[in-house]
Amino acid sequence: MTIFFITVLAVVILLLLEVPVGFSFGLGALFYGISSGTDISFHAAYGYSQIGAFSLLALPLFVQAGTLMGTGGISERLLDFVDAFVGRTKGGLGAVTVLSCAMFGAISGSASAAIAAIGRIMVPRMVTSGYPEGHATALVAVSSVLALMIPPSIPMIVFAIATRQSVAKVFLATMLPGILLALVYCALNFFFLRKNTSIQVSPKLPMREVG
C-alpha cells in the first residue's frame, strides 16, 4: 500500500511539473511494477490489447462530430433552440449556456469540443449582454464538464474498458448526476445575477426561426 501511495504522489508531482499525462502515468506504472516486484514485460502487450478495443473507436468519431458541429453551424442552431425557451429571462443567457453545453455533450461526448463550439460563441454574447466577464468564462468552464457526465462520454468509455465494466451501466450511472448538476448550475447562475442591473434580456425569438 505504501508503494501505491508513493506512486500516486510521483504521478501528481510529474503532472505539476507539466510532464505529458501519458508519460506521467507510464512512468508511474513502471515505477510501481518495478517496486512491487511485478514482471513488467507484459505491460506493452496488455496496453496494446486495450488500445485495440472496438469501443475506443468511438473516441475519435466523437471528437470529429464535435468539430463538424462547431464549424458547420449546428452549435449556433442549438443555442438558438435553447434560447427560445429560457433566454428571455434575466440571467437566461447563462442558463442557455449550461443547457447548450449539456446537449452538446450528449451529442459529442467531449468537454473540449463543447468549450470550442459553445464557449467561443457564448462568452462574447454574454459579455455583450452585460454579464461579468469572469462569470461568463467560469460558467462555460464548469458547464463543459457536463459533457463528461451526460452520455455518451469519452472518459466513461475509457473507464468502462479499463475496469471491464459495462459501458451502458457506466453511462446510466452518470446520467442523473449530470442532469442534477446542470440544474444546480442554472440555479446558481440566476442566484448570482439576481441583483445585477446591467444584464440585458434576449429578445424573443420566433419559434418558426428556431432550427
Protein backbone atom coordinates (compact mmCIF):
# COMPACT_ATOMS: atom_id res chain seq x y z
CA MET A 1 0.00 0.00 0.00
CA THR A 2 2.89 2.37 0.74
CA ILE A 3 4.30 1.79 -2.75
CA PHE A 4 0.92 2.64 -4.23
CA PHE A 5 0.69 5.98 -2.43
CA ILE A 6 4.28 6.82 -3.38
CA THR A 7 3.42 6.05 -6.99
CA VAL A 8 0.34 8.29 -6.89
CA LEU A 9 2.39 11.08 -5.34
CA ALA A 10 5.05 10.70 -8.01
CA VAL A 11 2.43 10.90 -10.78
CA VAL A 12 0.93 14.05 -9.23
CA ILE A 13 4.37 15.67 -8.97
CA LEU A 14 5.13 14.85 -12.61
CA LEU A 15 1.81 16.36 -13.68
CA LEU A 16 2.54 19.52 -11.67
CA LEU A 17 5.91 19.71 -13.44
CA GLU A 18 3.94 19.72 -16.72
CA VAL A 19 5.21 16.33 -17.84
CA PRO A 20 2.79 14.99 -20.50
CA VAL A 21 -0.03 12.95 -18.99
CA GLY A 22 0.84 9.78 -20.89
CA PHE A 23 4.48 9.86 -19.76
CA SER A 24 3.47 10.67 -16.17
CA PHE A 25 1.19 7.68 -15.83
CA GLY A 26 3.57 5.48 -17.82
CA LEU A 27 6.47 6.26 -15.51
CA GLY A 28 4.20 5.78 -12.52
CA ALA A 29 3.12 2.35 -13.74
CA LEU A 30 6.75 1.42 -14.48
CA PHE A 31 7.85 2.53 -11.01
CA TYR A 32 5.04 0.60 -9.33
CA GLY A 33 5.79 -2.55 -11.31
CA ILE A 34 9.50 -2.50 -10.51
CA SER A 35 8.99 -1.58 -6.83
CA SER A 36 6.39 -4.28 -6.23
CA GLY A 37 8.46 -6.96 -7.94
CA THR A 38 5.90 -7.47 -10.71
CA ASP A 39 7.01 -8.72 -14.11
CA ILE A 40 6.71 -5.63 -16.30
CA SER A 41 7.25 -7.46 -19.58
CA PHE A 42 3.50 -7.81 -20.09
CA HIS A 43 2.78 -4.06 -19.87
CA ALA A 44 3.33 -3.36 -23.56
CA ALA A 45 1.24 -6.31 -24.72
CA TYR A 46 -1.55 -5.54 -22.28
CA GLY A 47 -1.58 -1.87 -23.22
CA TYR A 48 -1.73 -2.72 -26.91
CA SER A 49 -4.62 -5.13 -26.32
CA GLN A 50 -6.56 -2.37 -24.53
CA ILE A 51 -5.90 0.14 -27.31
CA GLY A 52 -7.27 -2.37 -29.79
CA ALA A 53 -10.68 -2.43 -28.06
CA PHE A 54 -13.51 -1.82 -30.51
CA SER A 55 -15.28 0.62 -28.15
CA LEU A 56 -12.33 3.05 -28.36
CA LEU A 57 -13.23 3.64 -32.00
CA ALA A 58 -15.97 5.95 -30.68
CA LEU A 59 -13.42 8.41 -29.25
CA PRO A 60 -12.03 9.96 -32.47
CA LEU A 61 -15.50 9.84 -34.00
CA PHE A 62 -16.95 11.85 -31.09
CA VAL A 63 -14.19 14.44 -31.43
CA GLN A 64 -14.78 14.64 -35.18
CA ALA A 65 -18.52 15.04 -34.61
CA GLY A 66 -17.90 17.93 -32.22
CA THR A 67 -15.57 19.60 -34.72
CA LEU A 68 -18.11 19.28 -37.52
CA MET A 69 -20.87 20.66 -35.31
CA GLY A 70 -18.76 23.65 -34.33
CA THR A 71 -17.66 24.54 -37.87
CA GLY A 72 -20.92 23.63 -39.58
CA GLY A 73 -23.15 25.98 -37.59
CA ILE A 74 -25.03 23.27 -35.71
CA SER A 75 -23.89 24.66 -32.37
CA GLU A 76 -25.40 28.08 -33.18
CA ARG A 77 -28.71 26.46 -34.09
CA LEU A 78 -28.60 24.53 -30.84
CA LEU A 79 -28.03 27.78 -28.93
CA ASP A 80 -30.97 29.44 -30.69
CA PHE A 81 -33.18 26.46 -29.86
CA VAL A 82 -32.41 26.63 -26.14
CA ASP A 83 -32.54 30.43 -26.15
CA ALA A 84 -36.12 30.32 -27.43
CA PHE A 85 -37.21 28.66 -24.18
CA VAL A 86 -35.08 30.15 -21.39
CA GLY A 87 -33.28 33.11 -22.94
CA ARG A 88 -35.95 35.75 -22.29
CA THR A 89 -35.49 35.92 -18.51
CA LYS A 90 -32.85 37.79 -16.51
CA GLY A 91 -29.81 35.54 -16.44
CA GLY A 92 -31.43 33.34 -19.05
CA LEU A 93 -28.43 33.54 -21.36
CA GLY A 94 -26.37 31.84 -18.66
CA ALA A 95 -28.94 29.05 -18.46
CA VAL A 96 -28.76 28.80 -22.26
CA THR A 97 -25.01 28.24 -21.92
CA VAL A 98 -25.43 25.49 -19.33
CA LEU A 99 -28.17 23.63 -21.18
CA SER A 100 -26.41 24.00 -24.54
CA CYS A 101 -23.21 22.51 -23.12
CA ALA A 102 -25.25 19.63 -21.70
CA MET A 103 -27.00 18.99 -25.02
CA PHE A 104 -23.78 19.39 -26.99
CA GLY A 105 -22.06 16.94 -24.65
CA ALA A 106 -24.90 14.48 -25.16
CA ILE A 107 -24.08 14.56 -28.87
CA SER A 108 -20.29 14.83 -28.99
CA GLY A 109 -19.21 13.34 -25.64
CA SER A 110 -16.24 15.70 -25.44
CA ALA A 111 -15.73 18.59 -22.99
CA SER A 112 -13.07 20.20 -25.18
CA ALA A 113 -15.43 20.13 -28.16
CA ALA A 114 -18.16 21.73 -26.03
CA ILE A 115 -15.84 24.55 -24.98
CA ALA A 116 -14.64 25.11 -28.55
CA ALA A 117 -18.13 25.12 -30.04
CA ILE A 118 -20.20 26.76 -27.30
CA GLY A 119 -17.63 28.88 -25.47
CA ARG A 120 -16.40 30.84 -28.44
CA ILE A 121 -19.99 31.88 -29.17
CA MET A 122 -21.50 32.30 -25.71
CA VAL A 123 -18.72 34.13 -23.85
CA PRO A 124 -18.72 37.15 -26.22
CA ARG A 125 -22.53 37.07 -26.36
CA MET A 126 -22.86 37.09 -22.56
CA VAL A 127 -20.26 39.84 -22.12
CA THR A 128 -22.09 41.97 -24.70
CA SER A 129 -25.34 41.39 -22.79
CA GLY A 130 -23.85 42.76 -19.58
CA TYR A 131 -22.61 39.61 -17.88
CA PRO A 132 -19.36 39.96 -15.91
CA GLU A 133 -16.54 38.52 -18.00
CA GLY A 134 -15.37 36.29 -15.16
CA HIS A 135 -18.88 34.94 -14.62
CA ALA A 136 -19.30 34.16 -18.32
CA THR A 137 -15.95 32.41 -18.60
CA ALA A 138 -16.43 30.42 -15.40
CA LEU A 139 -19.93 29.35 -16.44
CA VAL A 140 -18.68 27.94 -19.75
CA ALA A 141 -15.76 26.22 -18.00
CA VAL A 142 -17.90 24.41 -15.41
CA SER A 143 -20.70 23.65 -17.86
CA SER A 144 -18.31 21.88 -20.23
CA VAL A 145 -17.83 19.23 -17.52
CA LEU A 146 -21.43 18.16 -18.19
CA ALA A 147 -20.20 16.70 -21.48
CA LEU A 148 -18.16 14.21 -19.44
CA MET A 149 -21.16 13.06 -17.43
CA ILE A 150 -24.13 13.04 -19.79
CA PRO A 151 -23.93 10.03 -22.16
CA PRO A 152 -22.22 9.44 -24.43
CA SER A 153 -18.99 10.35 -22.66
CA ILE A 154 -15.44 9.68 -23.84
CA PRO A 155 -13.93 9.33 -20.31
CA MET A 156 -16.73 6.96 -19.31
CA ILE A 157 -15.97 4.73 -22.28
CA VAL A 158 -12.28 4.65 -21.33
CA PHE A 159 -13.19 3.97 -17.68
CA ALA A 160 -15.53 1.12 -18.64
CA ILE A 161 -12.87 -0.52 -20.82
CA ALA A 162 -10.10 -0.09 -18.24
CA THR A 163 -12.20 -1.52 -15.39
CA ARG A 164 -14.02 -4.12 -17.52
CA GLN A 165 -17.42 -2.65 -16.74
CA SER A 166 -20.50 -2.41 -18.93
CA VAL A 167 -20.42 0.79 -20.99
CA ALA A 168 -24.21 1.06 -20.81
CA LYS A 169 -24.22 0.76 -17.00
CA VAL A 170 -21.46 3.36 -16.66
CA PHE A 171 -23.47 5.73 -18.86
CA LEU A 172 -26.59 5.24 -16.75
CA ALA A 173 -24.61 5.85 -13.55
CA THR A 174 -23.61 9.37 -14.62
CA MET A 175 -26.80 10.47 -16.38
CA LEU A 176 -28.83 11.54 -13.33
CA PRO A 177 -25.89 13.34 -11.61
CA GLY A 178 -25.21 15.17 -14.87
CA ILE A 179 -28.80 16.39 -15.15
CA LEU A 180 -28.89 17.44 -11.48
CA LEU A 181 -25.59 19.28 -11.88
CA ALA A 182 -26.96 21.17 -14.88
CA LEU A 183 -29.98 22.27 -12.83
CA VAL A 184 -27.70 23.36 -9.97
CA TYR A 185 -25.57 25.43 -12.36
CA CYS A 186 -28.69 27.14 -13.74
CA ALA A 187 -29.96 27.89 -10.22
CA LEU A 188 -26.60 29.32 -9.14
CA ASN A 189 -26.42 31.42 -12.29
CA PHE A 190 -29.80 33.02 -11.54
CA PHE A 191 -28.85 33.47 -7.88
CA PHE A 192 -25.58 35.29 -8.56
CA LEU A 193 -27.15 37.58 -11.17
CA ARG A 194 -30.38 38.40 -9.34
CA LYS A 195 -29.17 41.87 -8.30
CA ASN A 196 -27.15 42.67 -11.41
CA THR A 197 -28.81 45.60 -13.16
CA SER A 198 -26.59 45.55 -16.25
CA ILE A 199 -27.96 42.28 -17.62
CA GLN A 200 -29.81 42.64 -20.91
CA VAL A 201 -32.60 40.19 -21.69
CA SER A 202 -32.50 38.44 -25.03
CA PRO A 203 -35.25 39.48 -27.47
CA LYS A 204 -37.99 36.97 -28.10
CA LEU A 205 -37.04 34.61 -30.91
CA PRO A 206 -39.98 33.43 -33.06
CA MET A 207 -40.36 29.68 -32.85
CA ARG A 208 -40.54 29.44 -36.63
CA GLU A 209 -36.93 30.66 -36.79
CA VAL A 210 -35.66 28.06 -34.34
CA GLY A 211 -33.72 25.31 -36.09
